Protein backbone atom coordinates (compact mmCIF):
# COMPACT_ATOMS: atom_id res chain seq x y z
CA MET A 1 73.22 154.85 111.79
CA PHE A 2 72.73 158.56 112.39
CA THR A 3 71.71 161.72 110.58
CA ILE A 4 72.85 165.33 111.00
CA GLU A 5 70.71 168.31 110.01
CA HIS A 6 71.45 172.00 110.43
CA ASP A 7 68.32 173.99 111.29
CA PHE A 8 68.11 177.76 111.71
CA ASP A 9 69.03 177.81 115.41
CA ALA A 10 70.19 174.25 116.14
CA THR A 11 72.07 171.25 114.85
CA VAL A 12 69.91 168.13 115.07
CA ILE A 13 71.48 164.68 115.33
CA THR A 14 69.26 161.60 115.18
CA LEU A 15 70.67 158.26 116.36
CA ILE A 16 68.82 155.38 114.72
CA ASP A 17 69.04 152.01 116.45
CA GLU A 18 69.71 149.16 114.05
CA LEU A 19 70.88 145.59 114.31
CA PRO A 20 74.34 144.61 113.06
CA GLU A 21 74.49 142.75 109.77
CA GLY A 22 73.27 139.17 110.27
CA ALA A 23 71.91 139.79 113.79
CA ALA A 24 68.21 139.87 112.91
CA GLY A 25 65.95 139.39 115.93
CA SER A 26 68.80 139.15 118.46
CA ARG A 27 67.43 142.08 120.49
CA PRO A 28 64.55 144.53 120.36
CA LEU A 29 65.24 147.86 118.69
CA ASN A 30 65.09 151.05 120.75
CA GLU A 31 63.36 154.25 119.68
CA ASP A 32 65.46 156.87 117.87
CA VAL A 33 67.39 159.36 120.00
CA VAL A 34 67.20 162.98 118.83
CA ILE A 35 69.89 165.42 120.01
CA GLN A 36 69.35 169.14 119.43
CA SER A 37 72.39 171.34 119.95
CA PHE A 38 71.77 175.05 120.58
CA ASP A 39 74.24 177.81 121.50
CA ASP A 40 73.55 177.45 125.24
CA ARG A 41 72.16 173.93 125.72
CA VAL A 42 71.74 170.44 124.32
CA VAL A 43 68.37 168.67 124.35
CA VAL A 44 68.23 164.85 124.20
CA GLU A 45 64.85 163.29 123.37
CA GLN A 46 63.56 159.74 123.04
CA PHE A 47 59.99 158.48 122.69
CA ASP A 48 58.97 156.14 125.51
CA PRO A 49 56.62 153.50 124.06
CA ASP A 50 55.58 152.36 127.56
CA THR A 51 54.14 155.76 128.53
CA GLY A 52 53.48 157.14 125.05
CA GLU A 53 55.39 160.29 126.00
CA LEU A 54 58.55 161.97 124.79
CA ALA A 55 61.31 161.83 127.42
CA GLN A 56 63.51 164.92 127.34
CA ILE A 57 66.79 165.83 129.03
CA VAL A 58 68.28 169.33 128.84
CA LEU A 59 72.02 169.71 129.43
CA THR A 60 73.99 172.93 129.66
CA ILE A 61 77.10 173.13 127.49
CA GLU A 62 79.17 172.72 130.68
CA GLN A 63 77.31 169.54 131.62
CA LEU A 64 77.87 168.20 128.11
CA GLU A 65 81.61 168.88 128.42
CA GLU A 66 81.67 167.04 131.76
CA LEU A 67 79.79 164.09 130.26
CA ARG A 68 82.26 163.91 127.39
CA ALA A 69 85.18 163.90 129.84
CA ALA A 70 83.51 161.35 132.13
CA LEU A 71 83.17 158.82 129.32
CA ASN A 72 86.98 158.52 129.21
CA LEU A 73 87.85 158.59 132.91
CA PRO A 74 88.03 155.86 135.56
CA GLU A 75 85.75 155.81 138.60
CA GLY A 76 86.19 158.80 140.91
CA ASN A 77 85.23 162.43 141.60
CA TYR A 78 86.38 165.12 139.18
CA ARG A 79 86.05 168.84 138.51
CA LEU A 80 86.95 170.30 135.14
CA GLU A 81 89.10 173.42 135.22
CA ARG A 82 87.41 176.06 133.06
CA GLY A 83 89.69 178.49 131.28
């Protein structure tokens, strides 16, 4: 499940971990993942229950584009041509 909210300066997507129907107790649930999309960057956050801290990753828009492309490519080295 996920939610999408439009704030003043960002779009916020929250990914909520849930078990499939009928799979109760088959695995532990993970903390929610919050993705904040700004004009120039994307921030991915997830609470770490082991440390009690919020883990945060900041990606540029270019890094996000490369990640999206990488999810659909086989193993190898690539460079995206920017137009």
